[in-house]
Amino acid sequence: MSDDDQSMEGPGGMDLDEIEEHDFGKGDDQGYDYGEPMAGDVTAIYDIPVQISAVLGRSTMQVSQLLKLGRGAVVELDRKVGEAIDIYVNNRLVARGEVVVVEDKLGVTMTEIVKSDRS
């Protein structure tokens, strides 16, 4: 490349002046700005299975104690009556809530969303 040649040469000998201008303000042929929610595309994730767990409390015991448990045995948990339960999605704590009765089944009402420490 000579000093009087005004074009810039990029990697692999490509002339950078030949690169076409690209509109980076819009997603490629998708019709929305980068960072804009894709409301129409959300339906693609509706069928993804997730595991939801509502943890009433925890208890620690030895295997010998566990083997002695029988029908009607009571296991003491580390929570008090009326205390919030933890709600996990895919083993990640996401919320706290309360146990409710819906018709003849138990349910959970979320009362607090837990902020993620993920960076």
PDB file of N, CA and C in Angstrom:
ATOM      1  N   MET A   1       0.852  -1.170   0.000  1.00  0.00           N
ATOM      2  CA  MET A   1       0.000   0.000   0.000  1.00  0.00           C
ATOM      3  C   MET A   1       0.894   1.229   0.000  1.00  0.00           C
ATOM      4  N   SER A   2       0.654   2.170  -0.892  1.00  0.00           N
ATOM      5  CA  SER A   2       1.482   3.370  -0.987  1.00  0.00           C
ATOM      6  C   SER A   2       0.932   4.465  -0.102  1.00  0.00           C
ATOM      7  N   ASP A   3       1.789   5.455   0.217  1.00  0.00           N
ATOM      8  CA  ASP A   3       1.386   6.557   1.074  1.00  0.00           C
ATOM      9  C   ASP A   3       0.308   7.417   0.447  1.00  0.00           C
ATOM     10  N   ASP A   4       0.265   7.495  -0.891  1.00  0.00           N
ATOM     11  CA  ASP A   4      -0.732   8.351  -1.540  1.00  0.00           C
ATOM     12  C   ASP A   4      -2.045   7.625  -1.759  1.00  0.00           C
ATOM     13  N   ASP A   5      -2.141   6.337  -1.388  1.00  0.00           N
ATOM     14  CA  ASP A   5      -3.408   5.595  -1.473  1.00  0.00           C
ATOM     15  C   ASP A   5      -4.241   5.962  -0.243  1.00  0.00           C
ATOM     16  N   GLN A   6      -5.398   6.545  -0.427  1.00  0.00           N
ATOM     17  CA  GLN A   6      -6.220   7.063   0.658  1.00  0.00           C
ATOM     18  C   GLN A   6      -7.100   6.015   1.324  1.00  0.00           C
ATOM     19  N   SER A   7      -7.324   4.863   0.710  1.00  0.00           N
ATOM     20  CA  SER A   7      -8.204   3.864   1.318  1.00  0.00           C
ATOM     21  C   SER A   7      -7.459   3.126   2.414  1.00  0.00           C
ATOM     22  N   MET A   8      -8.208   2.689   3.433  1.00  0.00           N
ATOM     23  CA  MET A   8      -7.622   1.948   4.556  1.00  0.00           C
ATOM     24  C   MET A   8      -7.829   0.470   4.307  1.00  0.00           C
ATOM     25  N   GLU A   9      -6.800  -0.295   4.582  1.00  0.00           N
ATOM     26  CA  GLU A   9      -6.892  -1.725   4.378  1.00  0.00           C
ATOM     27  C   GLU A   9      -7.084  -2.412   5.711  1.00  0.00           C
ATOM     28  N   GLY A  10      -8.099  -3.234   5.825  1.00  0.00           N
ATOM     29  CA  GLY A  10      -8.405  -3.938   7.062  1.00  0.00           C
ATOM     30  C   GLY A  10      -7.756  -5.296   7.089  1.00  0.00           C
ATOM     31  N   PRO A  11      -8.128  -6.112   8.069  1.00  0.00           N
ATOM     32  CA  PRO A  11      -7.568  -7.457   8.171  1.00  0.00           C
ATOM     33  C   PRO A  11      -7.875  -8.269   6.926  1.00  0.00           C
ATOM     34  N   GLY A  12      -6.907  -9.071   6.516  1.00  0.00           N
ATOM     35  CA  GLY A  12      -7.100  -9.929   5.348  1.00  0.00           C
ATOM     36  C   GLY A  12      -7.053  -9.161   4.048  1.00  0.00           C
ATOM     37  N   GLY A  13      -6.595  -7.913   4.073  1.00  0.00           N
ATOM     38  CA  GLY A  13      -6.466  -7.131   2.859  1.00  0.00           C
ATOM     39  C   GLY A  13      -7.771  -6.555   2.355  1.00  0.00           C
ATOM     40  N   MET A  14      -8.843  -6.564   3.155  1.00  0.00           N
ATOM     41  CA  MET A  14     -10.128  -6.034   2.724  1.00  0.00           C
ATOM     42  C   MET A  14     -10.095  -4.506   2.759  1.00  0.00           C
ATOM     43  N   ASP A  15     -10.582  -3.875   1.726  1.00  0.00           N
ATOM     44  CA  ASP A  15     -10.648  -2.419   1.669  1.00  0.00           C
ATOM     45  C   ASP A  15     -11.825  -1.963   2.525  1.00  0.00           C
ATOM     46  N   LEU A  16     -11.534  -1.262   3.636  1.00  0.00           N
ATOM     47  CA  LEU A  16     -12.579  -0.850   4.570  1.00  0.00           C
ATOM     48  C   LEU A  16     -13.552   0.146   3.951  1.00  0.00           C
ATOM     49  N   ASP A  17     -13.136   0.831   2.868  1.00  0.00           N
ATOM     50  CA  ASP A  17     -14.049   1.763   2.198  1.00  0.00           C
ATOM     51  C   ASP A  17     -15.158   1.024   1.461  1.00  0.00           C
ATOM     52  N   GLU A  18     -14.937  -0.278   1.202  1.00  0.00           N
ATOM     53  CA  GLU A  18     -15.933  -1.056   0.461  1.00  0.00           C
ATOM     54  C   GLU A  18     -17.039  -1.590   1.347  1.00  0.00           C
ATOM     55  N   ILE A  19     -16.850  -1.528   2.665  1.00  0.00           N
ATOM     56  CA  ILE A  19     -17.865  -2.056   3.574  1.00  0.00           C
ATOM     57  C   ILE A  19     -19.097  -1.168   3.498  1.00  0.00           C
ATOM     58  N   GLU A  20     -20.242  -1.785   3.279  1.00  0.00           N
ATOM     59  CA  GLU A  20     -21.486  -1.031   3.178  1.00  0.00           C
ATOM     60  C   GLU A  20     -21.911  -0.516   4.538  1.00  0.00           C
ATOM     61  N   GLU A  21     -22.553   0.627   4.537  1.00  0.00           N
ATOM     62  CA  GLU A  21     -23.125   1.168   5.771  1.00  0.00           C
ATOM     63  C   GLU A  21     -24.234   0.237   6.220  1.00  0.00           C
ATOM     64  N   HIS A  22     -24.299  -0.006   7.510  1.00  0.00           N
ATOM     65  CA  HIS A  22     -25.320  -0.880   8.064  1.00  0.00           C
ATOM     66  C   HIS A  22     -26.141  -0.092   9.069  1.00  0.00           C
ATOM     67  N   ASP A  23     -27.461  -0.235   9.019  1.00  0.00           N
ATOM     68  CA  ASP A  23     -28.337   0.465   9.962  1.00  0.00           C
ATOM     69  C   ASP A  23     -28.368  -0.337  11.254  1.00  0.00           C
ATOM     70  N   PHE A  24     -27.588   0.092  12.259  1.00  0.00           N
ATOM     71  CA  PHE A  24     -27.540  -0.612  13.521  1.00  0.00           C
ATOM     72  C   PHE A  24     -28.647  -0.175  14.468  1.00  0.00           C
ATOM     73  N   GLY A  25     -29.517   0.711  14.066  1.00  0.00           N
ATOM     74  CA  GLY A  25     -30.612   1.173  14.918  1.00  0.00           C
ATOM     75  C   GLY A  25     -31.752   0.178  14.994  1.00  0.00           C
ATOM     76  N   LYS A  26     -31.847  -0.716  14.035  1.00  0.00           N
ATOM     77  CA  LYS A  26     -32.935  -1.692  14.006  1.00  0.00           C
ATOM     78  C   LYS A  26     -32.359  -3.095  14.027  1.00  0.00           C
ATOM     79  N   GLY A  27     -33.075  -4.021  14.610  1.00  0.00           N
ATOM     80  CA  GLY A  27     -32.676  -5.419  14.584  1.00  0.00           C
ATOM     81  C   GLY A  27     -32.742  -5.910  13.154  1.00  0.00           C
ATOM     82  N   ASP A  28     -31.895  -6.845  12.795  1.00  0.00           N
ATOM     83  CA  ASP A  28     -31.842  -7.330  11.425  1.00  0.00           C
ATOM     84  C   ASP A  28     -33.186  -7.883  10.982  1.00  0.00           C
ATOM     85  N   ASP A  29     -33.874  -7.141  10.125  1.00  0.00           N
ATOM     86  CA  ASP A  29     -35.155  -7.547   9.527  1.00  0.00           C
ATOM     87  C   ASP A  29     -36.202  -7.953  10.558  1.00  0.00           C
ATOM     88  N   GLN A  30     -36.116  -7.468  11.797  1.00  0.00           N
ATOM     89  CA  GLN A  30     -37.069  -7.869  12.817  1.00  0.00           C
ATOM     90  C   GLN A  30     -38.041  -6.749  13.158  1.00  0.00           C
ATOM     91  N   GLY A  31     -37.739  -5.524  12.799  1.00  0.00           N
ATOM     92  CA  GLY A  31     -38.684  -4.444  13.006  1.00  0.00           C
ATOM     93  C   GLY A  31     -38.749  -3.890  14.414  1.00  0.00           C
ATOM     94  N   TYR A  32     -37.715  -4.081  15.234  1.00  0.00           N
ATOM     95  CA  TYR A  32     -37.705  -3.509  16.575  1.00  0.00           C
ATOM     96  C   TYR A  32     -36.292  -3.043  16.890  1.00  0.00           C
ATOM     97  N   ASP A  33     -36.190  -2.069  17.759  1.00  0.00           N
ATOM     98  CA  ASP A  33     -34.888  -1.553  18.164  1.00  0.00           C
ATOM     99  C   ASP A  33     -34.204  -2.555  19.077  1.00  0.00           C
ATOM    100  N   TYR A  34     -32.863  -2.513  19.085  1.00  0.00           N
ATOM    101  CA  TYR A  34     -32.118  -3.357  20.009  1.00  0.00           C
ATOM    102  C   TYR A  34     -32.511  -2.993  21.428  1.00  0.00           C
ATOM    103  N   GLY A  35     -32.750  -3.989  22.260  1.00  0.00           N
ATOM    104  CA  GLY A  35     -33.165  -3.758  23.635  1.00  0.00           C
ATOM    105  C   GLY A  35     -34.662  -3.622  23.795  1.00  0.00           C
ATOM    106  N   GLU A  36     -35.395  -3.454  22.704  1.00  0.00           N
ATOM    107  CA  GLU A  36     -36.854  -3.328  22.771  1.00  0.00           C
ATOM    108  C   GLU A  36     -37.464  -4.718  22.986  1.00  0.00           C
ATOM    109  N   PRO A  37     -38.450  -4.832  23.881  1.00  0.00           N
ATOM    110  CA  PRO A  37     -39.073  -6.140  24.116  1.00  0.00           C
ATOM    111  C   PRO A  37     -39.651  -6.726  22.835  1.00  0.00           C
ATOM    112  N   MET A  38     -39.557  -8.030  22.709  1.00  0.00           N
ATOM    113  CA  MET A  38     -40.058  -8.729  21.532  1.00  0.00           C
ATOM    114  C   MET A  38     -41.366  -9.417  21.886  1.00  0.00           C
ATOM    115  N   ALA A  39     -42.418  -8.661  22.078  1.00  0.00           N
ATOM    116  CA  ALA A  39     -43.691  -9.193  22.558  1.00  0.00           C
ATOM    117  C   ALA A  39     -44.201 -10.333  21.685  1.00  0.00           C
ATOM    118  N   GLY A  40     -44.056 -10.228  20.393  1.00  0.00           N
ATOM    119  CA  GLY A  40     -44.537 -11.274  19.502  1.00  0.00           C
ATOM    120  C   GLY A  40     -43.718 -12.540  19.599  1.00  0.00           C
ATOM    121  N   ASP A  41     -42.461 -12.414  19.973  1.00  0.00           N
ATOM    122  CA  ASP A  41     -41.569 -13.569  20.037  1.00  0.00           C
ATOM    123  C   ASP A  41     -41.611 -14.275  21.387  1.00  0.00           C
ATOM    124  N   VAL A  42     -42.282 -13.721  22.382  1.00  0.00           N
ATOM    125  CA  VAL A  42     -42.339 -14.309  23.721  1.00  0.00           C
ATOM    126  C   VAL A  42     -43.043 -15.660  23.688  1.00  0.00           C
ATOM    127  N   THR A  43     -43.943 -15.857  22.779  1.00  0.00           N
ATOM    128  CA  THR A  43     -44.672 -17.124  22.714  1.00  0.00           C
ATOM    129  C   THR A  43     -43.732 -18.302  22.482  1.00  0.00           C
ATOM    130  N   ALA A  44     -42.550 -18.066  21.962  1.00  0.00           N
ATOM    131  CA  ALA A  44     -41.590 -19.140  21.714  1.00  0.00           C
ATOM    132  C   ALA A  44     -41.106 -19.778  23.018  1.00  0.00           C
ATOM    133  N   ILE A  45     -41.166 -19.057  24.124  1.00  0.00           N
ATOM    134  CA  ILE A  45     -40.680 -19.604  25.393  1.00  0.00           C
ATOM    135  C   ILE A  45     -41.792 -20.191  26.257  1.00  0.00           C
ATOM    136  N   TYR A  46     -43.023 -20.110  25.825  1.00  0.00           N
ATOM    137  CA  TYR A  46     -44.147 -20.596  26.631  1.00  0.00           C
ATOM    138  C   TYR A  46     -44.072 -22.086  26.936  1.00  0.00           C
ATOM    139  N   ASP A  47     -43.483 -22.890  26.069  1.00  0.00           N
ATOM    140  CA  ASP A  47     -43.459 -24.338  26.244  1.00  0.00           C
ATOM    141  C   ASP A  47     -42.201 -24.848  26.937  1.00  0.00           C
ATOM    142  N   ILE A  48     -41.361 -23.949  27.442  1.00  0.00           N
ATOM    143  CA  ILE A  48     -40.146 -24.374  28.135  1.00  0.00           C
ATOM    144  C   ILE A  48     -40.511 -24.778  29.558  1.00  0.00           C
ATOM    145  N   PRO A  49     -40.214 -26.009  29.954  1.00  0.00           N
ATOM    146  CA  PRO A  49     -40.571 -26.451  31.307  1.00  0.00           C
ATOM    147  C   PRO A  49     -39.637 -25.851  32.357  1.00  0.00           C
ATOM    148  N   VAL A  50     -40.196 -25.471  33.479  1.00  0.00           N
ATOM    149  CA  VAL A  50     -39.424 -24.998  34.625  1.00  0.00           C
ATOM    150  C   VAL A  50     -39.889 -25.758  35.854  1.00  0.00           C
ATOM    151  N   GLN A  51     -39.000 -25.922  36.818  1.00  0.00           N
ATOM    152  CA  GLN A  51     -39.339 -26.610  38.057  1.00  0.00           C
ATOM    153  C   GLN A  51     -39.589 -25.553  39.123  1.00  0.00           C
ATOM    154  N   ILE A  52     -40.762 -25.591  39.743  1.00  0.00           N
ATOM    155  CA  ILE A  52     -41.121 -24.639  40.784  1.00  0.00           C
ATOM    156  C   ILE A  52     -41.263 -25.402  42.097  1.00  0.00           C
ATOM    157  N   SER A  53     -40.584 -24.903  43.140  1.00  0.00           N
ATOM    158  CA  SER A  53     -40.632 -25.538  44.457  1.00  0.00           C
ATOM    159  C   SER A  53     -41.033 -24.508  45.490  1.00  0.00           C
ATOM    160  N   ALA A  54     -41.942 -24.883  46.371  1.00  0.00           N
ATOM    161  CA  ALA A  54     -42.329 -24.037  47.504  1.00  0.00           C
ATOM    162  C   ALA A  54     -41.828 -24.741  48.761  1.00  0.00           C
ATOM    163  N   VAL A  55     -40.852 -24.140  49.425  1.00  0.00           N
ATOM    164  CA  VAL A  55     -40.213 -24.766  50.577  1.00  0.00           C
ATOM    165  C   VAL A  55     -40.835 -24.219  51.854  1.00  0.00           C
ATOM    166  N   LEU A  56     -41.525 -25.096  52.569  1.00  0.00           N
ATOM    167  CA  LEU A  56     -42.167 -24.712  53.829  1.00  0.00           C
ATOM    168  C   LEU A  56     -41.155 -24.548  54.949  1.00  0.00           C
ATOM    169  N   GLY A  57     -40.087 -25.307  54.909  1.00  0.00           N
ATOM    170  CA  GLY A  57     -39.057 -25.261  55.934  1.00  0.00           C
ATOM    171  C   GLY A  57     -38.082 -26.398  55.732  1.00  0.00           C
ATOM    172  N   ARG A  58     -37.089 -26.456  56.598  1.00  0.00           N
ATOM    173  CA  ARG A  58     -36.072 -27.493  56.494  1.00  0.00           C
ATOM    174  C   ARG A  58     -35.852 -28.126  57.858  1.00  0.00           C
ATOM    175  N   SER A  59     -35.318 -29.334  57.815  1.00  0.00           N
ATOM    176  CA  SER A  59     -34.991 -30.050  59.036  1.00  0.00           C
ATOM    177  C   SER A  59     -33.769 -30.918  58.765  1.00  0.00           C
ATOM    178  N   THR A  60     -32.944 -31.095  59.770  1.00  0.00           N
ATOM    179  CA  THR A  60     -31.764 -31.947  59.649  1.00  0.00           C
ATOM    180  C   THR A  60     -31.918 -33.112  60.624  1.00  0.00           C
ATOM    181  N   MET A  61     -31.666 -34.315  60.128  1.00  0.00           N
ATOM    182  CA  MET A  61     -31.720 -35.495  60.994  1.00  0.00           C
ATOM    183  C   MET A  61     -30.787 -36.555  60.467  1.00  0.00           C
ATOM    184  N   GLN A  62     -30.456 -37.485  61.313  1.00  0.00           N
ATOM    185  CA  GLN A  62     -29.595 -38.591  60.925  1.00  0.00           C
ATOM    186  C   GLN A  62     -30.414 -39.617  60.147  1.00  0.00           C
ATOM    187  N   VAL A  63     -29.738 -40.405  59.339  1.00  0.00           N
ATOM    188  CA  VAL A  63     -30.414 -41.425  58.540  1.00  0.00           C
ATOM    189  C   VAL A  63     -31.166 -42.399  59.449  1.00  0.00           C
ATOM    190  N   SER A  64     -30.579 -42.727  60.596  1.00  0.00           N
ATOM    191  CA  SER A  64     -31.251 -43.667  61.510  1.00  0.00           C
ATOM    192  C   SER A  64     -32.589 -43.093  61.990  1.00  0.00           C
ATOM    193  N   GLN A  65     -32.639 -41.765  62.238  1.00  0.00           N
ATOM    194  CA  GLN A  65     -33.903 -41.127  62.642  1.00  0.00           C
ATOM    195  C   GLN A  65     -34.892 -41.138  61.478  1.00  0.00           C
ATOM    196  N   LEU A  66     -34.396 -40.889  60.275  1.00  0.00           N
ATOM    197  CA  LEU A  66     -35.250 -40.874  59.088  1.00  0.00           C
ATOM    198  C   LEU A  66     -35.892 -42.236  58.861  1.00  0.00           C
ATOM    199  N   LEU A  67     -35.129 -43.282  59.063  1.00  0.00           N
ATOM    200  CA  LEU A  67     -35.642 -44.642  58.857  1.00  0.00           C
ATOM    201  C   LEU A  67     -36.687 -45.037  59.894  1.00  0.00           C
ATOM    202  N   LYS A  68     -36.666 -44.391  61.049  1.00  0.00           N
ATOM    203  CA  LYS A  68     -37.635 -44.693  62.113  1.00  0.00           C
ATOM    204  C   LYS A  68     -38.965 -43.973  61.897  1.00  0.00           C
ATOM    205  N   LEU A  69     -39.011 -43.020  60.959  1.00  0.00           N
ATOM    206  CA  LEU A  69     -40.268 -42.289  60.720  1.00  0.00           C
ATOM    207  C   LEU A  69     -41.308 -43.227  60.146  1.00  0.00           C
ATOM    208  N   GLY A  70     -42.512 -43.083  60.593  1.00  0.00           N
ATOM    209  CA  GLY A  70     -43.608 -43.896  60.080  1.00  0.00           C
ATOM    210  C   GLY A  70     -44.786 -42.995  59.743  1.00  0.00           C
ATOM    211  N   ARG A  71     -45.867 -43.635  59.362  1.00  0.00           N
ATOM    212  CA  ARG A  71     -47.085 -42.902  59.014  1.00  0.00           C
ATOM    213  C   ARG A  71     -47.544 -42.078  60.216  1.00  0.00           C
ATOM    214  N   GLY A  72     -47.822 -40.798  59.973  1.00  0.00           N
ATOM    215  CA  GLY A  72     -48.298 -39.917  61.033  1.00  0.00           C
ATOM    216  C   GLY A  72     -47.184 -39.247  61.825  1.00  0.00           C
ATOM    217  N   ALA A  73     -45.934 -39.545  61.488  1.00  0.00           N
ATOM    218  CA  ALA A  73     -44.811 -38.919  62.193  1.00  0.00           C
ATOM    219  C   ALA A  73     -44.781 -37.425  61.885  1.00  0.00           C
ATOM    220  N   VAL A  74     -44.360 -36.655  62.849  1.00  0.00           N
ATOM    221  CA  VAL A  74     -44.265 -35.207  62.686  1.00  0.00           C
ATOM    222  C   VAL A  74     -42.791 -34.814  62.644  1.00  0.00           C
ATOM    223  N   VAL A  75     -42.419 -34.078  61.616  1.00  0.00           N
ATOM    224  CA  VAL A  75     -41.049 -33.584  61.481  1.00  0.00           C
ATOM    225  C   VAL A  75     -41.078 -32.088  61.741  1.00  0.00           C
ATOM    226  N   GLU A  76     -40.316 -31.654  62.741  1.00  0.00           N
ATOM    227  CA  GLU A  76     -40.276 -30.241  63.088  1.00  0.00           C
ATOM    228  C   GLU A  76     -39.408 -29.495  62.077  1.00  0.00           C
ATOM    229  N   LEU A  77     -39.943 -28.410  61.557  1.00  0.00           N
ATOM    230  CA  LEU A  77     -39.228 -27.593  60.576  1.00  0.00           C
ATOM    231  C   LEU A  77     -38.644 -26.352  61.241  1.00  0.00           C
ATOM    232  N   ASP A  78     -37.763 -25.676  60.527  1.00  0.00           N
ATOM    233  CA  ASP A  78     -37.088 -24.502  61.077  1.00  0.00           C
ATOM    234  C   ASP A  78     -37.887 -23.199  60.907  1.00  0.00           C
ATOM    235  N   ARG A  79     -39.143 -23.284  60.527  1.00  0.00           N
ATOM    236  CA  ARG A  79     -39.993 -22.105  60.347  1.00  0.00           C
ATOM    237  C   ARG A  79     -41.145 -22.123  61.320  1.00  0.00           C
ATOM    238  N   LYS A  80     -41.671 -20.942  61.581  1.00  0.00           N
ATOM    239  CA  LYS A  80     -42.830 -20.820  62.464  1.00  0.00           C
ATOM    240  C   LYS A  80     -44.107 -20.709  61.624  1.00  0.00           C
ATOM    241  N   VAL A  81     -45.237 -20.985  62.249  1.00  0.00           N
ATOM    242  CA  VAL A  81     -46.525 -20.851  61.573  1.00  0.00           C
ATOM    243  C   VAL A  81     -46.701 -19.396  61.150  1.00  0.00           C
ATOM    244  N   GLY A  82     -47.112 -19.180  59.908  1.00  0.00           N
ATOM    245  CA  GLY A  82     -47.344 -17.830  59.405  1.00  0.00           C
ATOM    246  C   GLY A  82     -46.113 -17.177  58.805  1.00  0.00           C
ATOM    247  N   GLU A  83     -44.940 -17.781  58.990  1.00  0.00           N
ATOM    248  CA  GLU A  83     -43.708 -17.238  58.408  1.00  0.00           C
ATOM    249  C   GLU A  83     -43.708 -17.496  56.898  1.00  0.00           C
ATOM    250  N   ALA A  84     -43.112 -16.587  56.141  1.00  0.00           N
ATOM    251  CA  ALA A  84     -43.079 -16.703  54.678  1.00  0.00           C
ATOM    252  C   ALA A  84     -42.336 -17.960  54.246  1.00  0.00           C
ATOM    253  N   ILE A  85     -42.802 -18.549  53.150  1.00  0.00           N
ATOM    254  CA  ILE A  85     -42.131 -19.709  52.571  1.00  0.00           C
ATOM    255  C   ILE A  85     -41.284 -19.239  51.394  1.00  0.00           C
ATOM    256  N   ASP A  86     -40.276 -20.024  51.042  1.00  0.00           N
ATOM    257  CA  ASP A  86     -39.407 -19.695  49.917  1.00  0.00           C
ATOM    258  C   ASP A  86     -39.933 -20.351  48.650  1.00  0.00           C
ATOM    259  N   ILE A  87     -39.892 -19.598  47.543  1.00  0.00           N
ATOM    260  CA  ILE A  87     -40.337 -20.110  46.254  1.00  0.00           C
ATOM    261  C   ILE A  87     -39.124 -20.125  45.327  1.00  0.00           C
ATOM    262  N   TYR A  88     -38.808 -21.318  44.830  1.00  0.00           N
ATOM    263  CA  TYR A  88     -37.656 -21.501  43.952  1.00  0.00           C
ATOM    264  C   TYR A  88     -38.134 -21.831  42.544  1.00  0.00           C
ATOM    265  N   VAL A  89     -37.437 -21.296  41.544  1.00  0.00           N
ATOM    266  CA  VAL A  89     -37.653 -21.666  40.148  1.00  0.00           C
ATOM    267  C   VAL A  89     -36.314 -22.179  39.642  1.00  0.00           C
ATOM    268  N   ASN A  90     -36.303 -23.432  39.199  1.00  0.00           N
ATOM    269  CA  ASN A  90     -35.071 -24.099  38.769  1.00  0.00           C
ATOM    270  C   ASN A  90     -33.967 -23.959  39.820  1.00  0.00           C
ATOM    271  N   ASN A  91     -34.326 -24.229  41.070  1.00  0.00           N
ATOM    272  CA  ASN A  91     -33.403 -24.209  42.214  1.00  0.00           C
ATOM    273  C   ASN A  91     -32.811 -22.838  42.508  1.00  0.00           C
ATOM    274  N   ARG A  92     -33.439 -21.777  42.054  1.00  0.00           N
ATOM    275  CA  ARG A  92     -33.000 -20.411  42.341  1.00  0.00           C
ATOM    276  C   ARG A  92     -34.113 -19.701  43.102  1.00  0.00           C
ATOM    277  N   LEU A  93     -33.781 -19.146  44.258  1.00  0.00           N
ATOM    278  CA  LEU A  93     -34.771 -18.430  45.059  1.00  0.00           C
ATOM    279  C   LEU A  93     -35.234 -17.193  44.293  1.00  0.00           C
ATOM    280  N   VAL A  94     -36.543 -17.101  44.025  1.00  0.00           N
ATOM    281  CA  VAL A  94     -37.065 -15.969  43.266  1.00  0.00           C
ATOM    282  C   VAL A  94     -38.110 -15.168  44.034  1.00  0.00           C
ATOM    283  N   ALA A  95     -38.737 -15.792  45.044  1.00  0.00           N
ATOM    284  CA  ALA A  95     -39.819 -15.090  45.736  1.00  0.00           C
ATOM    285  C   ALA A  95     -40.073 -15.720  47.106  1.00  0.00           C
ATOM    286  N   ARG A  96     -40.877 -15.006  47.876  1.00  0.00           N
ATOM    287  CA  ARG A  96     -41.390 -15.539  49.146  1.00  0.00           C
ATOM    288  C   ARG A  96     -42.905 -15.412  49.093  1.00  0.00           C
ATOM    289  N   GLY A  97     -43.578 -16.242  49.855  1.00  0.00           N
ATOM    290  CA  GLY A  97     -45.027 -16.211  49.781  1.00  0.00           C
ATOM    291  C   GLY A  97     -45.686 -16.845  50.978  1.00  0.00           C
ATOM    292  N   GLU A  98     -47.001 -17.012  50.839  1.00  0.00           N
ATOM    293  CA  GLU A  98     -47.832 -17.594  51.890  1.00  0.00           C
ATOM    294  C   GLU A  98     -48.594 -18.780  51.326  1.00  0.00           C
ATOM    295  N   VAL A  99     -48.851 -19.751  52.181  1.00  0.00           N
ATOM    296  CA  VAL A  99     -49.660 -20.901  51.790  1.00  0.00           C
ATOM    297  C   VAL A  99     -51.122 -20.492  51.865  1.00  0.00           C
ATOM    298  N   VAL A 100     -51.884 -20.837  50.829  1.00  0.00           N
ATOM    299  CA  VAL A 100     -53.320 -20.539  50.795  1.00  0.00           C
ATOM    300  C   VAL A 100     -54.068 -21.818  50.419  1.00  0.00           C
ATOM    301  N   VAL A 101     -55.339 -21.857  50.737  1.00  0.00           N
ATOM    302  CA  VAL A 101     -56.191 -22.974  50.355  1.00  0.00           C
ATOM    303  C   VAL A 101     -57.103 -22.502  49.234  1.00  0.00           C
ATOM    304  N   VAL A 102     -57.076 -23.231  48.111  1.00  0.00           N
ATOM    305  CA  VAL A 102     -57.927 -22.923  46.963  1.00  0.00           C
ATOM    306  C   VAL A 102     -58.817 -24.135  46.746  1.00  0.00           C
ATOM    307  N   GLU A 103     -60.121 -23.961  47.038  1.00  0.00           N
ATOM    308  CA  GLU A 103     -61.066 -25.075  47.052  1.00  0.00           C
ATOM    309  C   GLU A 103     -60.535 -26.133  48.011  1.00  0.00           C
ATOM    310  N   ASP A 104     -60.150 -27.309  47.523  1.00  0.00           N
ATOM    311  CA  ASP A 104     -59.643 -28.341  48.440  1.00  0.00           C
ATOM    312  C   ASP A 104     -58.149 -28.598  48.233  1.00  0.00           C
ATOM    313  N   LYS A 105     -57.452 -27.659  47.608  1.00  0.00           N
ATOM    314  CA  LYS A 105     -56.028 -27.831  47.328  1.00  0.00           C
ATOM    315  C   LYS A 105     -55.212 -26.711  47.954  1.00  0.00           C
ATOM    316  N   LEU A 106     -53.936 -27.008  48.219  1.00  0.00           N
ATOM    317  CA  LEU A 106     -53.029 -25.986  48.729  1.00  0.00           C
ATOM    318  C   LEU A 106     -52.444 -25.198  47.559  1.00  0.00           C
ATOM    319  N   GLY A 107     -52.184 -23.942  47.799  1.00  0.00           N
ATOM    320  CA  GLY A 107     -51.563 -23.087  46.802  1.00  0.00           C
ATOM    321  C   GLY A 107     -50.597 -22.138  47.483  1.00  0.00           C
ATOM    322  N   VAL A 108     -49.949 -21.323  46.698  1.00  0.00           N
ATOM    323  CA  VAL A 108     -48.986 -20.356  47.216  1.00  0.00           C
ATOM    324  C   VAL A 108     -49.274 -18.999  46.594  1.00  0.00           C
ATOM    325  N   THR A 109     -49.315 -17.979  47.440  1.00  0.00           N
ATOM    326  CA  THR A 109     -49.451 -16.600  46.973  1.00  0.00           C
ATOM    327  C   THR A 109     -48.103 -15.920  47.150  1.00  0.00           C
ATOM    328  N   MET A 110     -47.562 -15.353  46.072  1.00  0.00           N
ATOM    329  CA  MET A 110     -46.293 -14.635  46.180  1.00  0.00           C
ATOM    330  C   MET A 110     -46.523 -13.287  46.836  1.00  0.00           C
ATOM    331  N   THR A 111     -45.752 -13.005  47.867  1.00  0.00           N
ATOM    332  CA  THR A 111     -45.878 -11.731  48.572  1.00  0.00           C
ATOM    333  C   THR A 111     -44.658 -10.835  48.392  1.00  0.00           C
ATOM    334  N   GLU A 112     -43.553 -11.429  47.933  1.00  0.00           N
ATOM    335  CA  GLU A 112     -42.313 -10.662  47.791  1.00  0.00           C
ATOM    336  C   GLU A 112     -41.466 -11.297  46.697  1.00  0.00           C
ATOM    337  N   ILE A 113     -40.962 -10.478  45.787  1.00  0.00           N
ATOM    338  CA  ILE A 113     -40.030 -10.948  44.771  1.00  0.00           C
ATOM    339  C   ILE A 113     -38.611 -10.699  45.298  1.00  0.00           C
ATOM    340  N   VAL A 114     -37.771 -11.714  45.228  1.00  0.00           N
ATOM    341  CA  VAL A 114     -36.407 -11.607  45.750  1.00  0.00           C
ATOM    342  C   VAL A 114     -35.492 -11.150  44.622  1.00  0.00           C
ATOM    343  N   LYS A 115     -34.720 -10.081  44.880  1.00  0.00           N
ATOM    344  CA  LYS A 115     -33.788  -9.580  43.871  1.00  0.00           C
ATOM    345  C   LYS A 115     -32.644 -10.563  43.696  1.00  0.00           C
ATOM    346  N   SER A 116     -32.239 -10.742  42.454  1.00  0.00           N
ATOM    347  CA  SER A 116     -31.147 -11.662  42.135  1.00  0.00           C
ATOM    348  C   SER A 116     -29.810 -10.981  42.365  1.00  0.00           C
ATOM    349  N   ASP A 117     -28.841 -11.748  42.859  1.00  0.00           N
ATOM    350  CA  ASP A 117     -27.480 -11.224  43.048  1.00  0.00           C
ATOM    351  C   ASP A 117     -26.651 -11.380  41.788  1.00  0.00           C
ATOM    352  N   ARG A 118     -27.272 -11.886  40.738  1.00  0.00           N
ATOM    353  CA  ARG A 118     -26.567 -12.131  39.476  1.00  0.00           C
ATOM    354  C   ARG A 118     -26.120 -10.822  38.853  1.00  0.00           C
ATOM    355  N   SER A 119     -24.882 -10.788  38.398  1.00  0.00           N
ATOM    356  CA  SER A 119     -24.352  -9.579  37.758  1.00  0.00           C
ATOM    357  C   SER A 119     -24.327  -9.731  36.271  1.00  0.00           C
TER     358      SER A 119
END
